[in-house]
C-alpha cells in the first residue's frame, strides 16, 4: 500500500510540472483522475493533465526550460501486407514544435497508447510508427537523431494495431525531456 501511495505521489508531482500555462491557441489541461495502465498492465487511477479535444494543442514543460507544443490529427488507416485478419492499423500524426530552450525527445511510439470504448488499451506499433527515424538506440540521450532542437518542428507518425471493430476514445503519449517524460492525452 505504501509503495502504491508513493507511486501516486510521484505521478502527481510530475503532473504539476507539466501543466504550465499554454500560449495562444494552446490548451492548458486541468488535472483529472483517470484510469491508466500501470507497469503491471493493470489499470490504476492516476492524476494526469485532463484529456483535451482532438483538435487542441497541448504544451508540456520539463527540466531546464524544456517546452514543446503538440497537436495530433487522425491520418486514416495504413494497409500492411500480411496483417492479421480482423485487425486494422490506425494512424495519427503528432506535430511537435520545440518552443523551449533545450532539446526534447522526438520518439513518441515508446510511451503512446490508445484506449477503446471497452477500456482496452493498445500500445503504439513501433515497427510501423517509425518510417524515417534513425536506427540504433531509441533513447534521445544516446541517439542525437531523436532530439528535437529548440525552434524545430517535426511530424511523427503513430500507428496502433487494433481490432477491426475497436472504437477509439483516447490517445495518450509521453515526451522525453531530460529526466522527465510528461504526458498528454486527447479525447478522440
Protein backbone atom coordinates (compact mmCIF):
# COMPACT_ATOMS: atom_id res chain seq x y z
CA UNK A 1 0.00 0.00 0.00
CA UNK A 2 2.81 2.40 0.89
CA UNK A 3 4.56 1.70 -2.41
CA UNK A 4 1.37 2.39 -4.38
CA UNK A 5 0.87 5.66 -2.49
CA UNK A 6 4.46 6.64 -3.22
CA UNK A 7 3.98 5.98 -6.93
CA UNK A 8 0.81 8.06 -6.94
CA UNK A 9 2.54 10.97 -5.19
CA UNK A 10 5.41 10.82 -7.67
CA UNK A 11 2.99 10.87 -10.62
CA UNK A 12 1.08 13.78 -9.14
CA UNK A 13 4.30 15.77 -8.68
CA UNK A 14 5.34 15.10 -12.27
CA UNK A 15 1.94 16.28 -13.48
CA UNK A 16 2.25 19.59 -11.65
CA UNK A 17 5.48 20.21 -13.55
CA UNK A 18 3.92 19.60 -16.97
CA UNK A 19 0.81 21.74 -16.70
CA UNK A 20 2.35 25.17 -17.17
CA UNK A 21 0.07 27.73 -18.83
CA UNK A 22 -0.10 27.44 -22.60
CA UNK A 23 0.19 30.16 -25.20
CA UNK A 24 -2.48 31.45 -27.55
CA UNK A 25 -4.46 28.59 -29.07
CA UNK A 26 -2.85 26.02 -26.78
CA UNK A 27 -4.89 24.13 -24.21
CA UNK A 28 -3.86 24.11 -20.59
CA UNK A 29 -5.11 20.73 -19.42
CA UNK A 30 -6.67 20.53 -15.98
CA UNK A 31 -5.68 17.75 -13.61
CA UNK A 32 -8.11 14.83 -13.60
CA UNK A 33 -8.13 11.34 -12.16
CA UNK A 34 -8.17 8.82 -14.98
CA UNK A 35 -7.69 5.09 -15.48
CA UNK A 36 -4.23 4.40 -16.80
CA UNK A 37 -2.28 1.23 -17.43
CA UNK A 38 0.27 0.68 -14.69
CA UNK A 39 3.62 -1.10 -15.01
CA UNK A 40 1.99 -4.50 -14.41
CA UNK A 41 -0.63 -4.00 -17.15
CA UNK A 42 -3.43 -3.39 -14.63
CA UNK A 43 -5.46 -0.22 -14.52
CA UNK A 44 -4.78 2.28 -11.77
CA UNK A 45 -6.17 5.74 -11.06
CA UNK A 46 -3.62 8.48 -11.70
CA UNK A 47 -3.72 12.27 -11.87
CA UNK A 48 -2.87 13.50 -15.36
CA UNK A 49 -3.50 16.59 -17.42
CA UNK A 50 -7.12 16.12 -18.48
CA UNK A 51 -7.77 14.91 -21.99
CA UNK A 52 -8.28 17.79 -24.38
CA UNK A 53 -10.18 17.84 -27.66
CA UNK A 54 -8.65 16.16 -30.69
CA UNK A 55 -8.05 19.48 -32.44
CA UNK A 56 -6.37 21.18 -29.47
CA UNK A 57 -2.64 21.57 -28.96
CA UNK A 58 -1.05 20.82 -25.59
CA UNK A 59 2.04 22.50 -24.13
CA UNK A 60 4.27 20.29 -21.98
CA UNK A 61 7.17 21.60 -19.92
CA UNK A 62 10.11 19.85 -18.34
CA UNK A 63 13.51 20.49 -16.81
CA UNK A 64 15.88 23.36 -17.70
CA UNK A 65 13.43 25.32 -19.84
CA UNK A 66 12.15 22.38 -21.92
CA UNK A 67 8.82 23.15 -23.59
CA UNK A 68 7.07 21.51 -26.53
CA UNK A 69 3.68 22.13 -28.13
CA UNK A 70 1.97 19.03 -29.50
CA UNK A 71 -1.03 18.67 -31.77
CA UNK A 72 -2.47 15.46 -33.17
CA UNK A 73 -4.64 14.64 -36.14
CA UNK A 74 -6.01 11.39 -37.49
CA UNK A 75 -4.31 10.22 -40.68
CA UNK A 76 -6.58 7.32 -41.65
CA UNK A 77 -5.54 3.70 -41.76
CA UNK A 78 -2.43 2.03 -43.06
CA UNK A 79 -2.55 -1.07 -45.23
CA UNK A 80 0.14 -3.57 -44.34
CA UNK A 81 0.57 -6.83 -46.29
CA UNK A 82 0.43 -9.83 -44.00
CA UNK A 83 -1.68 -8.11 -41.34
CA UNK A 84 -3.82 -10.47 -39.31
CA UNK A 85 -7.46 -10.74 -40.31
CA UNK A 86 -9.74 -8.80 -38.02
CA UNK A 87 -7.16 -6.10 -37.30
CA UNK A 88 -6.52 -2.66 -38.68
CA UNK A 89 -3.69 -0.13 -38.34
CA UNK A 90 -4.96 3.29 -37.24
CA UNK A 91 -2.60 6.19 -37.96
CA UNK A 92 -2.22 9.55 -36.20
CA UNK A 93 0.21 12.36 -36.94
CA UNK A 94 1.66 14.17 -33.95
CA UNK A 95 3.10 17.60 -34.68
CA UNK A 96 5.83 18.65 -32.24
CA UNK A 97 7.14 22.22 -32.02
CA UNK A 98 10.01 22.75 -29.57
CA UNK A 99 9.36 26.21 -28.11
CA UNK A 100 11.74 25.73 -25.17
CA UNK A 101 15.43 26.35 -24.58
CA UNK A 102 16.73 22.74 -24.69
CA UNK A 103 16.21 19.69 -26.88
CA UNK A 104 13.27 17.34 -26.33
CA UNK A 105 12.82 13.72 -27.39
CA UNK A 106 11.03 13.18 -30.69
CA UNK A 107 10.42 9.42 -30.48
CA UNK A 108 6.80 9.10 -29.35
CA UNK A 109 5.78 5.48 -30.03
CA UNK A 110 7.51 4.14 -26.91
CA UNK A 111 5.03 5.74 -24.47
CA UNK A 112 1.97 6.02 -26.71
CA UNK A 113 -1.29 4.12 -26.38
CA UNK A 114 -4.93 4.41 -27.36
CA UNK A 115 -7.98 3.45 -25.31
CA UNK A 116 -11.17 1.98 -26.78
CA UNK A 117 -14.78 2.06 -25.57
CA UNK A 118 -14.33 -1.28 -23.74
CA UNK A 119 -11.45 0.10 -21.63
CA UNK A 120 -8.78 -1.84 -23.52
CA UNK A 121 -5.50 -0.09 -24.31
CA UNK A 122 -3.31 -0.73 -27.34
CA UNK A 123 0.35 0.30 -27.39
CA UNK A 124 1.77 2.03 -30.46
CA UNK A 125 3.20 -0.32 -33.05
CA UNK A 126 6.89 0.64 -33.02
CA UNK A 127 7.71 -1.15 -36.26
CA UNK A 128 5.02 0.69 -38.23
CA UNK A 129 5.31 4.04 -36.43
CA UNK A 130 8.93 4.62 -37.40
CA UNK A 131 9.47 5.09 -41.11
CA UNK A 132 12.19 7.70 -41.37
CA UNK A 133 13.76 7.66 -37.92
CA UNK A 134 17.39 6.85 -37.30
CA UNK A 135 18.40 3.32 -36.40
CA UNK A 136 20.08 2.35 -33.15
CA UNK A 137 19.09 3.42 -29.67
CA UNK A 138 15.66 4.95 -29.12
CA UNK A 139 16.95 6.95 -26.15
CA UNK A 140 17.46 10.59 -27.23
CA UNK A 141 20.35 10.91 -24.76
CA UNK A 142 22.20 8.20 -26.69
CA UNK A 143 20.97 8.92 -30.22
CA UNK A 144 21.03 12.61 -31.26
CA UNK A 145 18.77 11.78 -34.23
CA UNK A 146 15.84 11.54 -31.83
CA UNK A 147 16.44 15.03 -30.42
CA UNK A 148 14.24 17.93 -31.46
CA UNK A 149 16.32 21.07 -31.05
CA UNK A 150 14.89 24.43 -29.83
CA UNK A 151 12.79 26.09 -32.54
CA UNK A 152 12.49 22.92 -34.64
CA UNK A 153 9.19 21.32 -35.68
CA UNK A 154 8.54 17.76 -36.84
CA UNK A 155 5.61 15.44 -37.61
CA UNK A 156 5.79 11.96 -36.12
CA UNK A 157 3.58 9.10 -37.27
CA UNK A 158 1.95 6.92 -34.63
CA UNK A 159 0.39 3.63 -35.74
CA UNK A 160 -1.79 1.48 -33.50
CA UNK A 161 -2.77 -2.10 -34.39
CA UNK A 162 -6.32 -2.57 -33.09
CA UNK A 163 -9.21 -4.98 -33.69
CA UNK A 164 -11.25 -4.08 -36.77
CA UNK A 165 -14.29 -3.05 -34.70
CA UNK A 166 -12.48 -1.09 -31.98
CA UNK A 167 -13.87 2.40 -31.35
CA UNK A 168 -11.01 4.52 -30.03
CA UNK A 169 -11.78 7.15 -27.41
CA UNK A 170 -8.43 8.47 -26.16
CA UNK A 171 -4.83 8.89 -27.31
CA UNK A 172 -2.00 9.12 -24.76
CA UNK A 173 1.65 9.94 -25.36
CA UNK A 174 4.79 10.84 -23.42
CA UNK A 175 7.62 13.14 -24.49
CA UNK A 176 11.16 12.60 -23.10
CA UNK A 177 12.54 15.88 -21.73
CA UNK A 178 15.79 15.29 -19.90
CA UNK A 179 14.98 13.48 -16.68
CA UNK A 180 11.18 13.60 -17.05
CA UNK A 181 8.67 12.36 -19.61
CA UNK A 182 5.48 14.42 -19.22
CA UNK A 183 2.32 13.02 -20.76
CA UNK A 184 -0.63 14.41 -22.67
CA UNK A 185 -3.98 12.88 -23.61
CA UNK A 186 -6.56 13.71 -26.25
CA UNK A 187 -10.21 12.69 -26.48
CA UNK A 188 -10.83 11.18 -29.87
